[in-house]
Amino acid sequence: MNTRPFGRVGWPVAPLGYGMWGLANWSGTDEQAVGDALEAAVAADVTFFDTAWGYGRGASERILGQLVRAHPERRLYTATKLPPRNLQWPSRREFTLDDCFPPDHIREYAEKSLENLGLPRIDLLQFHVWEDGWARDERWQRAMDDLRREGLITAVGVSVNRWEPWNCLDTLRTGAVDAVQVIYNVFDQAPEDELFPLCQQLGVAVIARVPFDEGSLAGQLRADSSFPGGDFRRIYFGPENLGPTVARVDALGAALPADRSLAETALRFAISHPAVHTAIPGMRRPSHVRANVDAVERGALAPPDIALLRGHRWDRTPAPWSL
């Protein structure tokens, strides 16, 4: 795969990255298949891997650390996320920085993540939730600057709450953030309005997460789909969201050319915007890796395809089930 410079940081990253949430928090995960998928990704020149302490309380970080140590000949970029101190996802307007990311907590969990990874440095350390009201509180900036000066991290990022791409704009203007991770897919196109133009202006890298809308845009959802307890999708695709999502997926599928799969279209849409540096679908099987690599290698969608998908934008607001 071709690479793109990762914003002002400049790392050469493939447009297909690897999201590691599903390796520790979704049902039906097979450890051997996961290991094979990760190896297939490295062999296909995937270079950017995104995890978090919150994915299995460090379990996913340990998987990533093993992978990086097993491939000293490859430059694999590691991204992880600090959990909020109150362990509440997403954050809410009334939460303060002290509730979520006081300086001692930032230091503590940066060190925990380094221990889980078994690596001397984290390439990108991100805040796993964010409120733009914290932007001008210099305590988080000083804490991250200290970690950077000590060589424990290279870059700083924020992961924006679902359906709130506006909730980091002032933070980006501080100049203290190198990357933003945001939900961006055929349904969730709102980052294009304000966030992407600002990122392009400032040289902030964009990581597009959930390109398949937790699986619906990969064709994995039906009207009778159900998930076991403990699987996030049981909440996300509950009664309030399952029916409307299936209806929209069916309408989108009917609008696509006969030779174009839903999954391929969704992933290529996510990497077509020039502000996006990498998209990070979850890939728990080697077949997922092969399909996604094939899609990305076909490149950006043509303008008529993008125009068609514009009609399937779905603007939503956070709900108790949306996490």
Protein backbone atom coordinates (compact mmCIF):
# COMPACT_ATOMS: atom_id res chain seq x y z
CA MET A 1 0.00 0.00 0.00
CA ASN A 2 1.03 3.59 -0.56
CA THR A 3 1.63 5.73 2.52
CA ARG A 4 0.52 9.19 3.60
CA PRO A 5 2.47 11.56 5.87
CA PHE A 6 0.73 11.59 9.25
CA GLY A 7 -0.05 15.29 9.53
CA ARG A 8 2.73 17.54 10.77
CA VAL A 9 4.33 14.57 12.57
CA GLY A 10 5.13 13.17 9.14
CA TRP A 11 5.16 9.43 9.85
CA PRO A 12 4.59 7.39 6.68
CA VAL A 13 1.36 5.54 7.48
CA ALA A 14 -0.77 3.37 5.25
CA PRO A 15 -4.33 4.58 4.65
CA LEU A 16 -5.45 1.30 6.20
CA GLY A 17 -4.66 1.16 9.90
CA TYR A 18 -5.66 -1.43 12.48
CA GLY A 19 -8.25 -0.76 15.18
CA MET A 20 -7.76 -3.11 18.14
CA TRP A 21 -10.91 -2.60 20.21
CA GLY A 22 -12.61 -5.76 19.00
CA LEU A 23 -9.64 -7.91 20.00
CA ALA A 24 -10.50 -7.54 23.68
CA ASN A 25 -14.10 -6.36 24.00
CA TRP A 26 -16.25 -8.16 21.41
CA SER A 27 -17.71 -11.65 21.52
CA GLY A 28 -16.64 -14.30 19.05
CA THR A 29 -12.95 -13.37 19.09
CA ASP A 30 -10.57 -16.25 18.40
CA GLU A 31 -7.04 -15.65 19.72
CA GLN A 32 -5.36 -17.67 16.97
CA ALA A 33 -7.33 -15.88 14.26
CA VAL A 34 -6.45 -12.52 15.83
CA GLY A 35 -2.77 -13.38 15.82
CA ASP A 36 -2.95 -14.50 12.20
CA ALA A 37 -4.83 -11.30 11.26
CA LEU A 38 -2.21 -9.10 12.89
CA GLU A 39 0.58 -10.94 11.09
CA ALA A 40 -1.30 -10.61 7.81
CA ALA A 41 -1.64 -6.88 8.41
CA VAL A 42 2.10 -6.46 8.99
CA ALA A 43 2.82 -8.48 5.85
CA ALA A 44 0.46 -6.19 3.89
CA ASP A 45 2.34 -3.07 5.06
CA VAL A 46 -0.18 -1.85 7.61
CA THR A 47 1.93 0.44 9.79
CA PHE A 48 -0.48 2.12 12.24
CA PHE A 49 -2.05 0.20 15.14
CA ASP A 50 -4.51 1.80 17.55
CA THR A 51 -5.35 0.40 20.96
CA ALA A 52 -6.26 1.66 24.47
CA TRP A 53 -5.87 0.71 28.09
CA GLY A 54 -9.67 0.48 28.18
CA TYR A 55 -9.69 -2.36 25.65
CA GLY A 56 -9.66 -5.21 28.13
CA ARG A 57 -7.87 -3.21 30.85
CA GLY A 58 -4.58 -3.43 29.00
CA ALA A 59 -5.14 -6.76 27.23
CA SER A 60 -5.17 -5.22 23.76
CA GLU A 61 -2.06 -3.17 24.57
CA ARG A 62 -0.21 -6.34 25.50
CA ILE A 63 -1.20 -7.93 22.18
CA LEU A 64 0.14 -4.92 20.31
CA GLY A 65 3.38 -4.87 22.26
CA GLN A 66 3.99 -8.52 21.41
CA LEU A 67 3.43 -7.79 17.74
CA VAL A 68 5.84 -4.84 17.66
CA ARG A 69 8.55 -6.75 19.51
CA ALA A 70 8.15 -9.67 17.11
CA HIS A 71 8.91 -7.38 14.15
CA PRO A 72 11.97 -5.27 15.00
CA GLU A 73 12.68 -5.04 11.27
CA ARG A 74 9.45 -3.09 10.61
CA ARG A 75 8.48 0.41 11.72
CA LEU A 76 5.09 -0.09 13.30
CA TYR A 77 3.46 2.99 14.85
CA THR A 78 1.76 2.48 18.20
CA ALA A 79 -1.20 4.54 19.36
CA THR A 80 -2.96 4.04 22.65
CA LYS A 81 -5.37 5.97 24.85
CA LEU A 82 -5.52 7.15 28.43
CA PRO A 83 -8.72 6.08 30.20
CA PRO A 84 -10.64 8.82 32.04
CA ARG A 85 -10.11 8.59 35.79
CA ASN A 86 -13.85 8.17 36.40
CA LEU A 87 -13.98 5.39 33.76
CA GLN A 88 -17.00 6.99 32.11
CA TRP A 89 -17.36 6.72 28.32
CA PRO A 90 -18.22 9.13 26.79
CA SER A 91 -17.50 12.21 28.86
CA ARG A 92 -20.27 14.66 29.67
CA ARG A 93 -20.35 18.44 29.72
CA GLU A 94 -20.36 18.58 33.52
CA PHE A 95 -17.19 16.51 33.89
CA THR A 96 -14.08 18.47 34.83
CA LEU A 97 -10.48 17.79 33.93
CA ASP A 98 -9.99 16.61 37.51
CA ASP A 99 -12.77 14.06 37.01
CA CYS A 100 -11.10 12.63 33.93
CA PHE A 101 -7.47 13.60 33.36
CA PRO A 102 -5.69 15.23 36.31
CA PRO A 103 -1.92 15.35 35.76
CA ASP A 104 -1.07 12.51 38.16
CA HIS A 105 -3.59 10.26 36.39
CA ILE A 106 -2.07 11.08 33.00
CA ARG A 107 1.35 10.09 34.28
CA GLU A 108 0.11 6.93 36.00
CA TYR A 109 -1.68 5.54 32.97
CA ALA A 110 1.01 6.53 30.50
CA GLU A 111 3.36 4.40 32.56
CA LYS A 112 0.83 1.56 32.78
CA SER A 113 0.41 1.57 29.03
CA LEU A 114 4.18 1.53 28.52
CA GLU A 115 4.39 -1.45 30.85
CA ASN A 116 1.59 -3.28 29.02
CA LEU A 117 3.18 -2.60 25.65
CA GLY A 118 6.65 -3.52 26.85
CA LEU A 119 8.08 -0.72 24.73
CA PRO A 120 10.29 2.25 25.63
CA ARG A 121 8.03 4.80 23.92
CA ILE A 122 4.45 5.30 22.76
CA ASP A 123 4.26 6.94 19.35
CA LEU A 124 0.84 8.53 19.89
CA LEU A 125 -0.77 8.91 23.31
CA GLN A 126 -4.42 9.98 23.10
CA PHE A 127 -7.10 11.07 25.54
CA HIS A 128 -9.85 8.47 25.26
CA VAL A 129 -12.64 10.98 25.87
CA TRP A 130 -12.58 14.74 25.54
CA GLU A 131 -14.39 17.97 26.37
CA ASP A 132 -13.41 21.13 24.52
CA GLY A 133 -14.05 23.05 27.73
CA TRP A 134 -10.73 21.66 29.01
CA ALA A 135 -8.77 23.12 26.09
CA ARG A 136 -7.22 26.06 27.94
CA ASP A 137 -6.43 24.21 31.18
CA GLU A 138 -2.67 24.05 30.79
CA ARG A 139 -2.25 21.20 33.26
CA TRP A 140 -2.92 18.49 30.67
CA GLN A 141 -0.63 20.24 28.22
CA ARG A 142 2.22 20.37 30.74
CA ALA A 143 1.71 16.72 31.68
CA MET A 144 1.94 15.63 28.06
CA ASP A 145 4.90 17.94 27.41
CA ASP A 146 6.74 16.32 30.32
CA LEU A 147 6.13 12.85 28.88
CA ARG A 148 7.31 14.03 25.49
CA ARG A 149 10.46 15.66 26.90
CA GLU A 150 11.31 12.46 28.74
CA GLY A 151 11.06 10.49 25.51
CA LEU A 152 8.11 8.40 26.74
CA ILE A 153 5.74 9.60 24.00
CA THR A 154 6.23 11.25 20.63
CA ALA A 155 2.86 12.79 19.78
CA VAL A 156 -0.41 13.78 21.50
CA GLY A 157 -3.93 13.03 20.33
CA VAL A 158 -7.56 13.28 21.33
CA SER A 159 -10.28 10.76 20.58
CA VAL A 160 -13.52 12.66 20.08
CA ASN A 161 -16.81 11.49 21.57
CA ARG A 162 -19.23 9.80 19.19
CA TRP A 163 -21.25 12.27 17.07
CA GLU A 164 -19.45 15.29 18.57
CA PRO A 165 -16.77 16.21 16.01
CA TRP A 166 -17.08 19.85 17.08
CA ASN A 167 -16.04 19.00 20.64
CA CYS A 168 -12.30 19.51 20.13
CA LEU A 169 -11.96 22.54 17.86
CA ASP A 170 -10.63 24.94 20.50
CA THR A 171 -8.33 22.19 21.74
CA LEU A 172 -6.76 21.82 18.31
CA ARG A 173 -6.23 25.58 18.14
CA THR A 174 -3.94 25.39 21.20
CA GLY A 175 -1.33 23.71 19.02
CA ALA A 176 -0.79 21.05 21.68
CA VAL A 177 -2.50 18.21 19.76
CA ASP A 178 -0.95 16.37 16.81
CA ALA A 179 -3.79 14.01 15.90
CA VAL A 180 -7.53 13.65 16.29
CA GLN A 181 -9.47 10.40 16.16
CA VAL A 182 -13.08 10.74 15.08
CA ILE A 183 -15.95 8.56 13.87
CA TYR A 184 -16.24 9.06 10.11
CA ASN A 185 -18.17 6.89 7.70
CA VAL A 186 -20.90 6.98 5.06
CA PHE A 187 -23.52 7.68 7.72
CA ASP A 188 -21.42 9.93 9.97
CA GLN A 189 -20.16 12.65 7.62
CA ALA A 190 -20.35 15.59 10.03
CA PRO A 191 -16.55 15.80 10.59
CA GLU A 192 -16.34 17.27 7.10
CA ASP A 193 -18.18 20.43 8.21
CA GLU A 194 -15.72 22.04 10.64
CA LEU A 195 -13.24 19.48 11.96
CA PHE A 196 -11.56 18.39 8.73
CA PRO A 197 -10.97 21.91 7.39
CA LEU A 198 -9.39 22.95 10.69
CA CYS A 199 -7.18 19.85 10.77
CA GLN A 200 -5.98 20.60 7.26
CA GLN A 201 -5.25 24.20 8.21
CA LEU A 202 -3.26 23.21 11.32
CA GLY A 203 -1.54 20.08 10.00
CA VAL A 204 -3.35 17.84 12.51
CA ALA A 205 -3.52 14.18 11.50
CA VAL A 206 -6.97 12.57 11.23
CA ILE A 207 -7.66 8.98 12.24
CA ALA A 208 -11.04 7.82 10.95
CA ARG A 209 -12.50 5.27 13.31
CA VAL A 210 -15.63 3.10 12.96
CA PRO A 211 -15.59 3.21 9.12
CA PHE A 212 -18.10 0.35 9.12
CA ASP A 213 -20.45 1.80 11.78
CA GLU A 214 -19.65 -1.03 14.22
CA GLY A 215 -20.27 -3.57 11.45
CA SER A 216 -23.49 -2.37 9.85
CA LEU A 217 -21.68 -0.92 6.82
CA ALA A 218 -19.76 -4.16 6.41
CA GLY A 219 -23.03 -5.97 5.77
CA GLN A 220 -22.99 -7.78 9.11
CA LEU A 221 -26.34 -6.58 10.46
CA ARG A 222 -29.85 -7.98 10.04
CA ALA A 223 -33.19 -7.13 11.55
CA ASP A 224 -32.90 -10.18 13.84
CA SER A 225 -29.25 -9.64 14.83
CA SER A 226 -28.46 -10.09 18.52
CA PHE A 227 -25.29 -10.04 20.57
CA PRO A 228 -24.39 -11.64 23.92
CA GLY A 229 -24.10 -9.74 27.17
CA GLY A 230 -20.83 -7.85 27.56
CA ASP A 231 -20.56 -7.17 23.82
CA PHE A 232 -20.78 -3.43 23.11
CA ARG A 233 -22.87 -4.09 20.01
CA ARG A 234 -25.68 -5.43 22.21
CA ILE A 235 -26.11 -1.87 23.50
CA TYR A 236 -25.33 0.02 20.31
CA PHE A 237 -27.66 -2.07 18.17
CA GLY A 238 -30.43 -2.18 20.76
CA PRO A 239 -34.09 -1.47 19.99
CA GLU A 240 -33.56 2.26 19.41
CA ASN A 241 -30.88 1.81 16.77
CA LEU A 242 -31.17 -1.62 15.15
CA GLY A 243 -34.28 -1.04 13.03
CA PRO A 244 -33.32 2.43 11.73
CA THR A 245 -29.80 1.23 10.94
CA VAL A 246 -30.96 -1.83 9.01
CA ALA A 247 -33.37 0.34 7.00
CA ARG A 248 -30.60 2.76 6.05
CA VAL A 249 -28.17 -0.02 5.20
CA ASP A 250 -30.78 -1.62 2.93
CA ALA A 251 -31.40 1.70 1.18
CA LEU A 252 -27.68 2.26 0.70
CA GLY A 253 -27.14 -1.26 -0.64
CA ALA A 254 -29.95 -0.82 -3.15
CA ALA A 255 -28.35 2.41 -4.42
CA LEU A 256 -24.90 0.94 -5.07
CA PRO A 257 -23.78 -0.39 -8.45
CA ALA A 258 -24.21 -4.14 -8.76
CA ASP A 259 -20.46 -4.70 -8.90
CA ARG A 260 -19.69 -2.71 -5.73
CA SER A 261 -19.89 -4.29 -2.28
CA LEU A 262 -21.14 -2.35 0.71
CA ALA A 263 -17.97 -3.01 2.74
CA GLU A 264 -15.62 -1.94 -0.03
CA THR A 265 -17.61 1.23 -0.63
CA ALA A 266 -17.67 2.12 3.06
CA LEU A 267 -13.94 1.73 3.57
CA ARG A 268 -13.01 3.56 0.39
CA PHE A 269 -15.33 6.40 1.39
CA ALA A 270 -13.49 6.77 4.71
CA ILE A 271 -10.09 7.13 3.02
CA SER A 272 -11.29 9.34 0.15
CA HIS A 273 -11.36 12.62 2.04
CA PRO A 274 -7.97 14.38 1.77
CA ALA A 275 -8.00 15.24 5.47
CA VAL A 276 -7.99 11.56 6.49
CA HIS A 277 -4.57 9.99 7.01
CA THR A 278 -5.62 6.51 8.05
CA ALA A 279 -8.81 4.56 8.77
CA ILE A 280 -8.78 1.94 11.52
CA PRO A 281 -11.37 -0.81 11.08
CA GLY A 282 -11.29 -3.76 13.42
CA MET A 283 -9.89 -6.88 11.74
CA ARG A 284 -10.20 -10.08 13.74
CA ARG A 285 -9.54 -12.56 10.93
CA PRO A 286 -7.01 -12.74 8.09
CA SER A 287 -9.91 -12.61 5.62
CA HIS A 288 -10.87 -9.20 7.04
CA VAL A 289 -7.33 -7.96 6.43
CA ARG A 290 -7.22 -9.26 2.87
CA ALA A 291 -10.60 -7.73 1.98
CA ASN A 292 -9.71 -4.35 3.48
CA VAL A 293 -6.29 -4.23 1.85
CA ASP A 294 -7.88 -5.02 -1.51
CA ALA A 295 -10.43 -2.24 -1.01
CA VAL A 296 -7.85 0.37 -0.01
CA GLU A 297 -5.58 -0.54 -2.91
CA ARG A 298 -8.44 0.38 -5.26
CA GLY A 299 -7.99 3.93 -3.99
CA ALA A 300 -10.33 6.82 -3.39
CA LEU A 301 -13.84 6.77 -4.77
CA ALA A 302 -14.66 8.78 -7.88
CA PRO A 303 -16.56 12.07 -7.43
CA PRO A 304 -19.87 10.61 -8.74
CA ASP A 305 -19.65 7.85 -6.14
CA ILE A 306 -19.00 10.36 -3.37
CA ALA A 307 -21.95 12.44 -4.58
CA LEU A 308 -24.22 9.40 -4.35
CA LEU A 309 -23.08 8.67 -0.81
CA ARG A 310 -23.70 12.25 0.28
CA GLY A 311 -27.41 11.42 0.18
CA HIS A 312 -26.95 8.79 2.90
CA ARG A 313 -25.56 11.14 5.53
CA TRP A 314 -27.24 10.53 8.90
CA ASP A 315 -26.79 13.28 11.48
CA ARG A 316 -27.33 11.99 15.00
CA THR A 317 -26.89 13.23 18.55
CA PRO A 318 -25.42 11.23 21.43
CA ALA A 319 -27.80 8.94 23.32
CA PRO A 320 -27.38 6.72 26.39
CA TRP A 321 -26.92 3.71 24.10
CA SER A 322 -24.45 5.31 21.70
CA LEU A 323 -21.41 5.35 24.05
